[in-house]
Amino acid sequence: MNVEEIRTFCLSLPHVTEDVKWGADLCFCIGGKMFCVTGLDGPFGVSFKVKDDEFEELSTTEDIIPAPYVARYKWIFISNEGRFTRAQWEHYISQSYQLVKDKLPKGVKAKLD
């Protein structure tokens, strides 16, 4: 998936907002918390959160590294848009969305539901 396809998919998820942070990073959020980040300029790159038990395996495979600054929260960085199939991209982005949503404070979740 390219950046525009990722953007379209992220915005199709309920209650997602987008914002540009740090000058050129397109951030997708649920309840004010980021679940997917991609660059607007430069080479392709996408970061998102994965399950704890997936982090080690994914972050040591080709074209994937622990995401700078947020690896301790089990985020990975993918540098090749062809690394996953469309179905895999959608799975991991949806999973990241759900992982972040599940950790939102009860009051924030109540407003979303």
N, C-alpha and C. Protein backbone atom coordinates (compact mmCIF):
# COMPACT_ATOMS: atom_id res chain seq x y z
N MET A 1 0.85 -1.19 0.00
CA MET A 1 0.00 0.00 0.00
C MET A 1 0.89 1.24 0.00
N ASN A 2 0.47 2.23 -0.74
CA ASN A 2 1.20 3.49 -0.72
C ASN A 2 0.61 4.40 0.36
N VAL A 3 1.20 5.55 0.54
CA VAL A 3 0.78 6.46 1.61
C VAL A 3 -0.68 6.87 1.46
N GLU A 4 -1.12 7.16 0.25
CA GLU A 4 -2.52 7.58 0.05
C GLU A 4 -3.49 6.44 0.38
N GLU A 5 -3.14 5.22 0.04
CA GLU A 5 -4.00 4.08 0.37
C GLU A 5 -4.04 3.85 1.87
N ILE A 6 -2.90 4.02 2.53
CA ILE A 6 -2.87 3.89 3.99
C ILE A 6 -3.72 4.98 4.63
N ARG A 7 -3.61 6.19 4.11
CA ARG A 7 -4.42 7.31 4.62
C ARG A 7 -5.90 7.01 4.47
N THR A 8 -6.31 6.55 3.30
CA THR A 8 -7.72 6.24 3.05
C THR A 8 -8.20 5.15 3.99
N PHE A 9 -7.40 4.12 4.18
CA PHE A 9 -7.81 3.04 5.08
C PHE A 9 -7.91 3.52 6.52
N CYS A 10 -6.91 4.24 7.00
CA CYS A 10 -6.95 4.73 8.38
C CYS A 10 -8.18 5.60 8.62
N LEU A 11 -8.49 6.49 7.69
CA LEU A 11 -9.64 7.38 7.86
C LEU A 11 -10.97 6.65 7.73
N SER A 12 -10.95 5.41 7.24
CA SER A 12 -12.19 4.63 7.17
C SER A 12 -12.54 4.00 8.51
N LEU A 13 -11.60 3.98 9.44
CA LEU A 13 -11.86 3.41 10.76
C LEU A 13 -12.64 4.43 11.60
N PRO A 14 -13.52 3.96 12.49
CA PRO A 14 -14.37 4.87 13.27
C PRO A 14 -13.58 5.84 14.16
N HIS A 15 -13.99 7.09 14.14
CA HIS A 15 -13.49 8.14 15.03
C HIS A 15 -12.01 8.50 14.84
N VAL A 16 -11.46 8.20 13.69
CA VAL A 16 -10.04 8.50 13.43
C VAL A 16 -9.89 9.95 13.01
N THR A 17 -8.85 10.57 13.56
CA THR A 17 -8.48 11.92 13.15
C THR A 17 -7.07 11.85 12.57
N GLU A 18 -6.74 12.84 11.74
CA GLU A 18 -5.38 12.91 11.22
C GLU A 18 -4.80 14.27 11.54
N ASP A 19 -3.50 14.30 11.67
CA ASP A 19 -2.81 15.52 12.03
C ASP A 19 -1.39 15.43 11.50
N VAL A 20 -0.81 16.56 11.17
CA VAL A 20 0.60 16.59 10.78
C VAL A 20 1.40 17.06 11.98
N LYS A 21 2.35 16.23 12.39
CA LYS A 21 3.20 16.56 13.54
C LYS A 21 4.65 16.59 13.09
N TRP A 22 5.47 17.31 13.82
CA TRP A 22 6.90 17.38 13.58
C TRP A 22 7.24 17.82 12.16
N GLY A 23 6.35 18.59 11.55
CA GLY A 23 6.62 19.16 10.25
C GLY A 23 6.21 18.35 9.04
N ALA A 24 6.44 17.02 9.07
CA ALA A 24 6.15 16.24 7.87
C ALA A 24 5.68 14.82 8.16
N ASP A 25 5.18 14.57 9.36
CA ASP A 25 4.68 13.23 9.70
C ASP A 25 3.16 13.26 9.81
N LEU A 26 2.53 12.43 9.00
CA LEU A 26 1.08 12.31 9.01
C LEU A 26 0.70 11.28 10.06
N CYS A 27 -0.01 11.73 11.09
CA CYS A 27 -0.35 10.88 12.23
C CYS A 27 -1.85 10.62 12.25
N PHE A 28 -2.20 9.37 12.46
CA PHE A 28 -3.60 8.96 12.57
C PHE A 28 -3.85 8.59 14.02
N CYS A 29 -4.94 9.13 14.58
CA CYS A 29 -5.20 9.00 16.01
C CYS A 29 -6.61 8.51 16.29
N ILE A 30 -6.76 7.85 17.43
CA ILE A 30 -8.06 7.50 17.98
C ILE A 30 -8.06 8.03 19.41
N GLY A 31 -9.04 8.84 19.72
CA GLY A 31 -9.12 9.42 21.06
C GLY A 31 -7.91 10.26 21.42
N GLY A 32 -7.29 10.87 20.43
CA GLY A 32 -6.12 11.71 20.68
C GLY A 32 -4.81 10.97 20.77
N LYS A 33 -4.82 9.66 20.62
CA LYS A 33 -3.60 8.84 20.70
C LYS A 33 -3.26 8.28 19.32
N MET A 34 -2.00 8.36 18.96
CA MET A 34 -1.56 7.88 17.64
C MET A 34 -1.60 6.36 17.57
N PHE A 35 -2.01 5.87 16.39
CA PHE A 35 -1.93 4.43 16.14
C PHE A 35 -1.18 4.12 14.85
N CYS A 36 -0.96 5.12 14.00
CA CYS A 36 -0.22 4.92 12.75
C CYS A 36 0.40 6.25 12.34
N VAL A 37 1.66 6.19 11.90
CA VAL A 37 2.37 7.40 11.48
C VAL A 37 3.10 7.08 10.18
N THR A 38 3.02 8.01 9.24
CA THR A 38 3.74 7.88 7.98
C THR A 38 4.29 9.24 7.57
N GLY A 39 5.32 9.23 6.76
CA GLY A 39 5.92 10.48 6.31
C GLY A 39 5.19 11.05 5.10
N LEU A 40 5.10 12.35 5.04
CA LEU A 40 4.50 13.02 3.89
C LEU A 40 5.50 13.19 2.76
N ASP A 41 6.75 13.35 3.11
CA ASP A 41 7.81 13.57 2.13
C ASP A 41 8.90 12.52 2.33
N GLY A 42 9.73 12.40 1.32
CA GLY A 42 10.87 11.53 1.45
C GLY A 42 10.55 10.07 1.19
N PRO A 43 11.44 9.20 1.58
CA PRO A 43 11.23 7.78 1.31
C PRO A 43 10.06 7.22 2.12
N PHE A 44 9.49 6.14 1.62
CA PHE A 44 8.35 5.49 2.27
C PHE A 44 8.74 5.02 3.66
N GLY A 45 7.82 5.17 4.59
CA GLY A 45 8.00 4.65 5.95
C GLY A 45 6.70 4.76 6.71
N VAL A 46 6.36 3.69 7.44
CA VAL A 46 5.14 3.66 8.25
C VAL A 46 5.48 3.03 9.59
N SER A 47 4.93 3.60 10.66
CA SER A 47 5.09 3.03 12.00
C SER A 47 3.72 2.77 12.60
N PHE A 48 3.64 1.67 13.34
CA PHE A 48 2.42 1.38 14.10
C PHE A 48 2.74 0.39 15.22
N LYS A 49 1.79 0.26 16.12
CA LYS A 49 1.92 -0.62 17.28
C LYS A 49 1.54 -2.04 16.90
N VAL A 50 2.26 -3.02 17.47
CA VAL A 50 1.92 -4.43 17.27
C VAL A 50 1.78 -5.10 18.63
N LYS A 51 1.24 -6.31 18.64
CA LYS A 51 1.12 -7.07 19.88
C LYS A 51 2.51 -7.39 20.43
N ASP A 52 2.59 -7.47 21.74
CA ASP A 52 3.87 -7.74 22.39
C ASP A 52 4.55 -8.99 21.83
N ASP A 53 3.78 -10.06 21.63
CA ASP A 53 4.36 -11.31 21.17
C ASP A 53 4.74 -11.29 19.69
N GLU A 54 4.32 -10.30 18.94
CA GLU A 54 4.69 -10.15 17.53
C GLU A 54 5.90 -9.24 17.33
N PHE A 55 6.15 -8.39 18.30
CA PHE A 55 7.16 -7.34 18.16
C PHE A 55 8.54 -7.90 17.81
N GLU A 56 9.03 -8.86 18.58
CA GLU A 56 10.38 -9.38 18.36
C GLU A 56 10.53 -10.00 16.98
N GLU A 57 9.58 -10.82 16.59
CA GLU A 57 9.67 -11.48 15.29
C GLU A 57 9.61 -10.47 14.14
N LEU A 58 8.63 -9.56 14.20
CA LEU A 58 8.48 -8.59 13.12
C LEU A 58 9.66 -7.63 13.04
N SER A 59 10.15 -7.17 14.18
CA SER A 59 11.19 -6.14 14.17
C SER A 59 12.57 -6.66 13.79
N THR A 60 12.68 -7.95 13.55
CA THR A 60 13.95 -8.51 13.13
C THR A 60 13.87 -9.09 11.72
N THR A 61 12.81 -8.76 10.99
CA THR A 61 12.68 -9.24 9.62
C THR A 61 13.07 -8.14 8.64
N GLU A 62 13.27 -8.53 7.40
CA GLU A 62 13.70 -7.59 6.38
C GLU A 62 12.73 -6.42 6.22
N ASP A 63 13.27 -5.22 6.11
CA ASP A 63 12.51 -3.98 5.90
C ASP A 63 11.71 -3.53 7.12
N ILE A 64 11.91 -4.15 8.28
CA ILE A 64 11.19 -3.76 9.50
C ILE A 64 12.20 -3.62 10.63
N ILE A 65 12.10 -2.51 11.36
CA ILE A 65 12.95 -2.29 12.54
C ILE A 65 12.07 -1.79 13.68
N PRO A 66 12.58 -1.85 14.91
CA PRO A 66 11.85 -1.21 16.01
C PRO A 66 11.73 0.29 15.68
N ALA A 67 10.55 0.84 15.87
CA ALA A 67 10.33 2.25 15.52
C ALA A 67 11.12 3.18 16.44
N PRO A 68 11.86 4.11 15.84
CA PRO A 68 12.61 5.06 16.66
C PRO A 68 11.68 5.81 17.64
N TYR A 69 12.15 5.98 18.85
CA TYR A 69 11.49 6.72 19.92
C TYR A 69 10.32 5.98 20.57
N VAL A 70 9.68 5.04 19.88
CA VAL A 70 8.50 4.38 20.47
C VAL A 70 8.60 2.85 20.47
N ALA A 71 9.76 2.31 20.21
CA ALA A 71 9.93 0.86 20.20
C ALA A 71 9.58 0.26 21.56
N ARG A 72 9.84 0.98 22.63
CA ARG A 72 9.54 0.44 23.97
C ARG A 72 8.04 0.21 24.16
N TYR A 73 7.23 0.83 23.32
CA TYR A 73 5.78 0.62 23.36
C TYR A 73 5.33 -0.40 22.30
N LYS A 74 6.30 -1.12 21.74
CA LYS A 74 6.07 -2.17 20.75
C LYS A 74 5.57 -1.62 19.41
N TRP A 75 6.20 -0.56 18.96
CA TRP A 75 5.94 0.00 17.64
C TRP A 75 7.05 -0.45 16.70
N ILE A 76 6.67 -0.72 15.45
CA ILE A 76 7.63 -1.09 14.42
C ILE A 76 7.61 -0.06 13.30
N PHE A 77 8.68 -0.03 12.53
CA PHE A 77 8.81 0.88 11.39
C PHE A 77 9.06 0.03 10.14
N ILE A 78 8.22 0.21 9.12
CA ILE A 78 8.33 -0.53 7.87
C ILE A 78 8.82 0.43 6.79
N SER A 79 9.89 0.05 6.10
CA SER A 79 10.50 0.95 5.11
C SER A 79 10.23 0.54 3.67
N ASN A 80 9.41 -0.48 3.47
CA ASN A 80 9.14 -0.97 2.12
C ASN A 80 7.64 -1.19 1.97
N GLU A 81 7.01 -0.42 1.08
CA GLU A 81 5.55 -0.54 0.93
C GLU A 81 5.12 -1.90 0.41
N GLY A 82 6.00 -2.64 -0.21
CA GLY A 82 5.70 -3.98 -0.71
C GLY A 82 5.95 -5.07 0.31
N ARG A 83 6.33 -4.70 1.52
CA ARG A 83 6.66 -5.69 2.56
C ARG A 83 5.47 -6.56 2.93
N PHE A 84 4.29 -5.98 2.94
CA PHE A 84 3.06 -6.70 3.28
C PHE A 84 2.10 -6.67 2.10
N THR A 85 1.21 -7.64 2.07
CA THR A 85 0.10 -7.58 1.13
C THR A 85 -0.89 -6.54 1.64
N ARG A 86 -1.83 -6.16 0.81
CA ARG A 86 -2.86 -5.20 1.24
C ARG A 86 -3.60 -5.73 2.47
N ALA A 87 -3.94 -7.02 2.47
CA ALA A 87 -4.66 -7.62 3.60
C ALA A 87 -3.81 -7.55 4.88
N GLN A 88 -2.51 -7.78 4.75
CA GLN A 88 -1.64 -7.70 5.93
C GLN A 88 -1.53 -6.27 6.43
N TRP A 89 -1.37 -5.31 5.52
CA TRP A 89 -1.34 -3.90 5.94
C TRP A 89 -2.61 -3.56 6.72
N GLU A 90 -3.76 -3.92 6.16
CA GLU A 90 -5.03 -3.61 6.82
C GLU A 90 -5.14 -4.32 8.16
N HIS A 91 -4.66 -5.55 8.24
CA HIS A 91 -4.70 -6.28 9.51
C HIS A 91 -3.87 -5.56 10.57
N TYR A 92 -2.61 -5.24 10.25
CA TYR A 92 -1.74 -4.63 11.25
C TYR A 92 -2.17 -3.22 11.63
N ILE A 93 -2.65 -2.45 10.67
CA ILE A 93 -3.13 -1.11 11.00
C ILE A 93 -4.40 -1.19 11.87
N SER A 94 -5.31 -2.08 11.52
CA SER A 94 -6.53 -2.27 12.33
C SER A 94 -6.18 -2.75 13.73
N GLN A 95 -5.22 -3.65 13.80
CA GLN A 95 -4.79 -4.17 15.10
C GLN A 95 -4.19 -3.05 15.95
N SER A 96 -3.36 -2.21 15.33
CA SER A 96 -2.77 -1.09 16.05
C SER A 96 -3.86 -0.16 16.57
N TYR A 97 -4.80 0.14 15.71
CA TYR A 97 -5.95 0.97 16.09
C TYR A 97 -6.64 0.39 17.33
N GLN A 98 -6.91 -0.91 17.31
CA GLN A 98 -7.61 -1.55 18.42
C GLN A 98 -6.75 -1.59 19.69
N LEU A 99 -5.46 -1.86 19.55
CA LEU A 99 -4.57 -1.88 20.71
C LEU A 99 -4.54 -0.52 21.39
N VAL A 100 -4.46 0.54 20.60
CA VAL A 100 -4.43 1.89 21.17
C VAL A 100 -5.79 2.25 21.75
N LYS A 101 -6.86 1.93 21.05
CA LYS A 101 -8.20 2.23 21.54
C LYS A 101 -8.47 1.52 22.86
N ASP A 102 -8.04 0.28 22.99
CA ASP A 102 -8.26 -0.48 24.22
C ASP A 102 -7.58 0.13 25.43
N LYS A 103 -6.51 0.90 25.22
CA LYS A 103 -5.77 1.52 26.32
C LYS A 103 -6.25 2.94 26.66
N LEU A 104 -7.22 3.44 25.91
CA LEU A 104 -7.73 4.79 26.20
C LEU A 104 -8.45 4.80 27.55
N PRO A 105 -8.43 5.94 28.22
CA PRO A 105 -9.18 6.06 29.48
C PRO A 105 -10.68 5.81 29.24
N LYS A 106 -11.35 5.30 30.25
CA LYS A 106 -12.78 4.95 30.13
C LYS A 106 -13.62 6.12 29.65
N GLY A 107 -13.34 7.31 30.14
CA GLY A 107 -14.11 8.48 29.75
C GLY A 107 -13.97 8.79 28.26
N VAL A 108 -12.77 8.64 27.75
CA VAL A 108 -12.53 8.90 26.33
C VAL A 108 -13.22 7.84 25.50
N LYS A 109 -13.11 6.57 25.92
CA LYS A 109 -13.77 5.48 25.19
C LYS A 109 -15.29 5.67 25.19
N ALA A 110 -15.84 6.12 26.30
CA ALA A 110 -17.29 6.32 26.39
C ALA A 110 -17.75 7.38 25.39
N LYS A 111 -16.97 8.42 25.20
CA LYS A 111 -17.33 9.46 24.25
C LYS A 111 -17.29 8.94 22.81
N LEU A 112 -16.40 7.97 22.55
CA LEU A 112 -16.27 7.39 21.21
C LEU A 112 -17.38 6.40 20.91
N ASP A 113 -17.88 5.74 21.94
CA ASP A 113 -18.92 4.72 21.75
C ASP A 113 -20.27 5.31 21.87
